[in-house]
Amino acid sequence: MDDGARRSADIYLYSMTGGETVGVSDGNGVTITLREIYDSLNEVSSSLDRLEQRIIRLEEKTSIASEADERSRNALKKAEEAFQKASEALALIQEKEAEKKEFKKMWFSAILTAIIPWLLGFLFVLIYLVQKGGEW
């Protein structure tokens, strides 16, 4: 490459066709009018405005999602607490039911223990009376 190819382009501002339009030229035949620059800047400005609106909507949605996430975490915490309390209540109910069963067994054993000697005594008396022939 020669030194002319590596040299940066010089930009010149000049008046075009009798002072009607002012343009910018790099000296190599490329000319950009002020109108083209103005239109390009308007397009960039419009694009930036749209981008800003999108960013604002994204921030709003992020804020809403963050609030929903916080509510979800609170609901999950409450559900875990409710589950813990329900588990404790279930354990307590199962313990009470086991106690009731044990209490019923104790009563049944006590009643049998009290009735069996009376039944055996009655049976012996009945056998004795039958063997004696029914005499009193």
C-alpha atoms as a PDB file:
ATOM      1  CA  MET A   1       0.000   0.000   0.000  1.00  0.00           C
ATOM      2  CA  ASP A   2       1.144   3.512  -0.665  1.00  0.00           C
ATOM      3  CA  ASP A   3       1.111   6.373   1.820  1.00  0.00           C
ATOM      4  CA  GLY A   4      -1.926   7.977   0.129  1.00  0.00           C
ATOM      5  CA  ALA A   5      -4.125   4.961   0.929  1.00  0.00           C
ATOM      6  CA  ARG A   6      -3.205   5.050   4.604  1.00  0.00           C
ATOM      7  CA  ARG A   7      -3.869   8.757   4.992  1.00  0.00           C
ATOM      8  CA  SER A   8      -7.109   9.717   6.775  1.00  0.00           C
ATOM      9  CA  ALA A   9      -9.778  11.443   4.713  1.00  0.00           C
ATOM     10  CA  ASP A  10     -10.025  15.205   4.995  1.00  0.00           C
ATOM     11  CA  ILE A  11     -13.582  16.541   5.174  1.00  0.00           C
ATOM     12  CA  TYR A  12     -14.431  19.878   3.566  1.00  0.00           C
ATOM     13  CA  LEU A  13     -17.532  21.986   4.129  1.00  0.00           C
ATOM     14  CA  TYR A  14     -18.604  23.934   1.033  1.00  0.00           C
ATOM     15  CA  SER A  15     -21.598  25.634  -0.536  1.00  0.00           C
ATOM     16  CA  MET A  16     -23.238  23.728  -3.403  1.00  0.00           C
ATOM     17  CA  THR A  17     -24.793  25.189  -6.578  1.00  0.00           C
ATOM     18  CA  GLY A  18     -24.888  28.837  -5.967  1.00  0.00           C
ATOM     19  CA  GLY A  19     -25.221  28.788  -2.186  1.00  0.00           C
ATOM     20  CA  GLU A  20     -28.505  26.879  -2.088  1.00  0.00           C
ATOM     21  CA  THR A  21     -27.283  23.837  -0.178  1.00  0.00           C
ATOM     22  CA  VAL A  22     -24.305  23.380   2.104  1.00  0.00           C
ATOM     23  CA  GLY A  23     -22.649  19.968   2.068  1.00  0.00           C
ATOM     24  CA  VAL A  24     -19.711  18.008   3.411  1.00  0.00           C
ATOM     25  CA  SER A  25     -17.213  16.317   1.095  1.00  0.00           C
ATOM     26  CA  ASP A  26     -14.270  14.073   1.885  1.00  0.00           C
ATOM     27  CA  GLY A  27     -12.402  15.116  -1.246  1.00  0.00           C
ATOM     28  CA  ASN A  28     -12.923  11.734  -2.965  1.00  0.00           C
ATOM     29  CA  GLY A  29     -16.267  12.514  -4.578  1.00  0.00           C
ATOM     30  CA  VAL A  30     -18.558  11.599  -1.660  1.00  0.00           C
ATOM     31  CA  THR A  31     -20.820  14.500  -0.745  1.00  0.00           C
ATOM     32  CA  ILE A  32     -23.348  14.539   2.078  1.00  0.00           C
ATOM     33  CA  THR A  33     -25.789  17.430   2.197  1.00  0.00           C
ATOM     34  CA  LEU A  34     -26.915  19.053   5.411  1.00  0.00           C
ATOM     35  CA  ARG A  35     -30.430  17.829   4.645  1.00  0.00           C
ATOM     36  CA  GLU A  36     -29.166  14.218   4.602  1.00  0.00           C
ATOM     37  CA  ILE A  37     -27.338  14.805   7.870  1.00  0.00           C
ATOM     38  CA  TYR A  38     -30.487  16.378   9.367  1.00  0.00           C
ATOM     39  CA  ASP A  39     -32.689  13.480   8.186  1.00  0.00           C
ATOM     40  CA  SER A  40     -30.205  10.931   9.541  1.00  0.00           C
ATOM     41  CA  LEU A  41     -30.085  12.692  12.899  1.00  0.00           C
ATOM     42  CA  ASN A  42     -33.908  12.752  13.009  1.00  0.00           C
ATOM     43  CA  GLU A  43     -33.998   8.999  12.311  1.00  0.00           C
ATOM     44  CA  VAL A  44     -31.416   8.379  15.040  1.00  0.00           C
ATOM     45  CA  SER A  45     -33.375  10.587  17.435  1.00  0.00           C
ATOM     46  CA  SER A  46     -36.608   8.762  16.603  1.00  0.00           C
ATOM     47  CA  SER A  47     -34.893   5.395  17.087  1.00  0.00           C
ATOM     48  CA  LEU A  48     -33.520   6.547  20.441  1.00  0.00           C
ATOM     49  CA  ASP A  49     -36.994   7.664  21.521  1.00  0.00           C
ATOM     50  CA  ARG A  50     -38.436   4.248  20.601  1.00  0.00           C
ATOM     51  CA  LEU A  51     -35.569   2.538  22.379  1.00  0.00           C
ATOM     52  CA  GLU A  52     -36.169   4.674  25.468  1.00  0.00           C
ATOM     53  CA  GLN A  53     -39.864   3.735  25.467  1.00  0.00           C
ATOM     54  CA  ARG A  54     -38.962   0.064  25.180  1.00  0.00           C
ATOM     55  CA  ILE A  55     -36.523   0.371  28.062  1.00  0.00           C
ATOM     56  CA  ILE A  56     -39.198   2.098  30.169  1.00  0.00           C
ATOM     57  CA  ARG A  57     -41.698  -0.698  29.417  1.00  0.00           C
ATOM     58  CA  LEU A  58     -39.034  -3.287  30.203  1.00  0.00           C
ATOM     59  CA  GLU A  59     -38.296  -1.589  33.536  1.00  0.00           C
ATOM     60  CA  GLU A  60     -42.029  -1.563  34.348  1.00  0.00           C
ATOM     61  CA  LYS A  61     -42.356  -5.241  33.494  1.00  0.00           C
ATOM     62  CA  THR A  62     -39.248  -6.029  35.537  1.00  0.00           C
ATOM     63  CA  SER A  63     -40.710  -4.135  38.466  1.00  0.00           C
ATOM     64  CA  ILE A  64     -44.002  -6.028  38.167  1.00  0.00           C
ATOM     65  CA  ALA A  65     -42.143  -9.341  37.887  1.00  0.00           C
ATOM     66  CA  SER A  66     -40.068  -8.460  40.939  1.00  0.00           C
ATOM     67  CA  GLU A  67     -43.204  -7.684  42.957  1.00  0.00           C
ATOM     68  CA  ALA A  68     -44.805 -10.928  41.798  1.00  0.00           C
ATOM     69  CA  ASP A  69     -41.656 -12.812  42.770  1.00  0.00           C
ATOM     70  CA  GLU A  70     -41.754 -11.237  46.239  1.00  0.00           C
ATOM     71  CA  ARG A  71     -45.430 -12.175  46.654  1.00  0.00           C
ATOM     72  CA  SER A  72     -44.629 -15.688  45.472  1.00  0.00           C
ATOM     73  CA  ARG A  73     -41.814 -16.026  48.003  1.00  0.00           C
ATOM     74  CA  ASN A  74     -44.113 -14.798  50.796  1.00  0.00           C
ATOM     75  CA  ALA A  75     -46.817 -17.252  49.750  1.00  0.00           C
ATOM     76  CA  LEU A  76     -44.289 -20.086  49.659  1.00  0.00           C
ATOM     77  CA  LYS A  77     -43.049 -19.157  53.135  1.00  0.00           C
ATOM     78  CA  LYS A  78     -46.611 -19.125  54.492  1.00  0.00           C
ATOM     79  CA  ALA A  79     -47.359 -22.451  52.813  1.00  0.00           C
ATOM     80  CA  GLU A  80     -44.255 -23.998  54.370  1.00  0.00           C
ATOM     81  CA  GLU A  81     -45.294 -22.684  57.792  1.00  0.00           C
ATOM     82  CA  ALA A  82     -48.817 -24.068  57.310  1.00  0.00           C
ATOM     83  CA  PHE A  83     -47.379 -27.418  56.242  1.00  0.00           C
ATOM     84  CA  GLN A  84     -45.189 -27.498  59.348  1.00  0.00           C
ATOM     85  CA  LYS A  85     -48.153 -26.727  61.614  1.00  0.00           C
ATOM     86  CA  ALA A  86     -50.291 -29.339  59.843  1.00  0.00           C
ATOM     87  CA  SER A  87     -47.529 -31.926  60.298  1.00  0.00           C
ATOM     88  CA  GLU A  88     -47.320 -31.114  63.998  1.00  0.00           C
ATOM     89  CA  ALA A  89     -51.108 -31.348  64.335  1.00  0.00           C
ATOM     90  CA  LEU A  90     -51.141 -34.699  62.525  1.00  0.00           C
ATOM     91  CA  ALA A  91     -48.465 -36.065  64.855  1.00  0.00           C
ATOM     92  CA  LEU A  92     -50.449 -34.858  67.865  1.00  0.00           C
ATOM     93  CA  ILE A  93     -53.673 -36.442  66.547  1.00  0.00           C
ATOM     94  CA  GLN A  94     -51.917 -39.736  65.877  1.00  0.00           C
ATOM     95  CA  GLU A  95     -50.490 -39.674  69.390  1.00  0.00           C
ATOM     96  CA  LYS A  96     -53.944 -39.032  70.888  1.00  0.00           C
ATOM     97  CA  GLU A  97     -55.475 -41.850  68.823  1.00  0.00           C
ATOM     98  CA  ALA A  98     -52.751 -44.226  70.022  1.00  0.00           C
ATOM     99  CA  GLU A  99     -53.506 -43.181  73.592  1.00  0.00           C
ATOM    100  CA  LYS A 100     -57.248 -43.831  73.034  1.00  0.00           C
ATOM    101  CA  LYS A 101     -56.539 -47.298  71.686  1.00  0.00           C
ATOM    102  CA  GLU A 102     -54.300 -48.064  74.627  1.00  0.00           C
ATOM    103  CA  PHE A 103     -56.966 -46.757  77.024  1.00  0.00           C
ATOM    104  CA  LYS A 104     -59.612 -48.999  75.391  1.00  0.00           C
ATOM    105  CA  LYS A 105     -57.301 -51.987  75.706  1.00  0.00           C
ATOM    106  CA  MET A 106     -56.741 -51.224  79.381  1.00  0.00           C
ATOM    107  CA  TRP A 107     -60.509 -50.984  80.047  1.00  0.00           C
ATOM    108  CA  PHE A 108     -61.174 -54.185  78.141  1.00  0.00           C
ATOM    109  CA  SER A 109     -58.435 -55.961  80.125  1.00  0.00           C
ATOM    110  CA  ALA A 110     -59.758 -54.582  83.399  1.00  0.00           C
ATOM    111  CA  ILE A 111     -63.311 -55.678  82.632  1.00  0.00           C
ATOM    112  CA  LEU A 112     -62.181 -59.138  81.576  1.00  0.00           C
ATOM    113  CA  THR A 113     -59.993 -59.412  84.644  1.00  0.00           C
ATOM    114  CA  ALA A 114     -62.974 -58.546  86.849  1.00  0.00           C
ATOM    115  CA  ILE A 115     -65.538 -60.713  85.026  1.00  0.00           C
ATOM    116  CA  ILE A 116     -63.482 -63.888  84.531  1.00  0.00           C
ATOM    117  CA  PRO A 117     -63.234 -64.802  88.250  1.00  0.00           C
ATOM    118  CA  TRP A 118     -66.989 -64.234  88.659  1.00  0.00           C
ATOM    119  CA  LEU A 119     -67.726 -66.355  85.591  1.00  0.00           C
ATOM    120  CA  LEU A 120     -65.407 -69.107  86.774  1.00  0.00           C
ATOM    121  CA  GLY A 121     -66.966 -68.983  90.238  1.00  0.00           C
ATOM    122  CA  PHE A 122     -70.449 -69.126  88.741  1.00  0.00           C
ATOM    123  CA  LEU A 123     -69.372 -72.021  86.504  1.00  0.00           C
ATOM    124  CA  PHE A 124     -67.933 -73.972  89.474  1.00  0.00           C
ATOM    125  CA  VAL A 125     -71.086 -73.379  91.484  1.00  0.00           C
ATOM    126  CA  LEU A 126     -73.199 -74.517  88.515  1.00  0.00           C
ATOM    127  CA  ILE A 127     -71.064 -77.647  88.053  1.00  0.00           C
ATOM    128  CA  TYR A 128     -71.267 -78.367  91.762  1.00  0.00           C
ATOM    129  CA  LEU A 129     -75.026 -78.008  91.753  1.00  0.00           C
ATOM    130  CA  VAL A 130     -75.426 -80.202  88.694  1.00  0.00           C
ATOM    131  CA  GLN A 131     -73.218 -82.905  90.234  1.00  0.00           C
ATOM    132  CA  LYS A 132     -75.059 -82.789  93.518  1.00  0.00           C
ATOM    133  CA  GLY A 133     -78.274 -83.458  91.681  1.00  0.00           C
ATOM    134  CA  GLY A 134     -79.879 -80.166  92.008  1.00  0.00           C
ATOM    135  CA  GLU A 135     -80.410 -80.365  95.760  1.00  0.00           C
ATOM    136  CA  TRP A 136     -80.042 -77.328  97.808  1.00  0.00           C
END
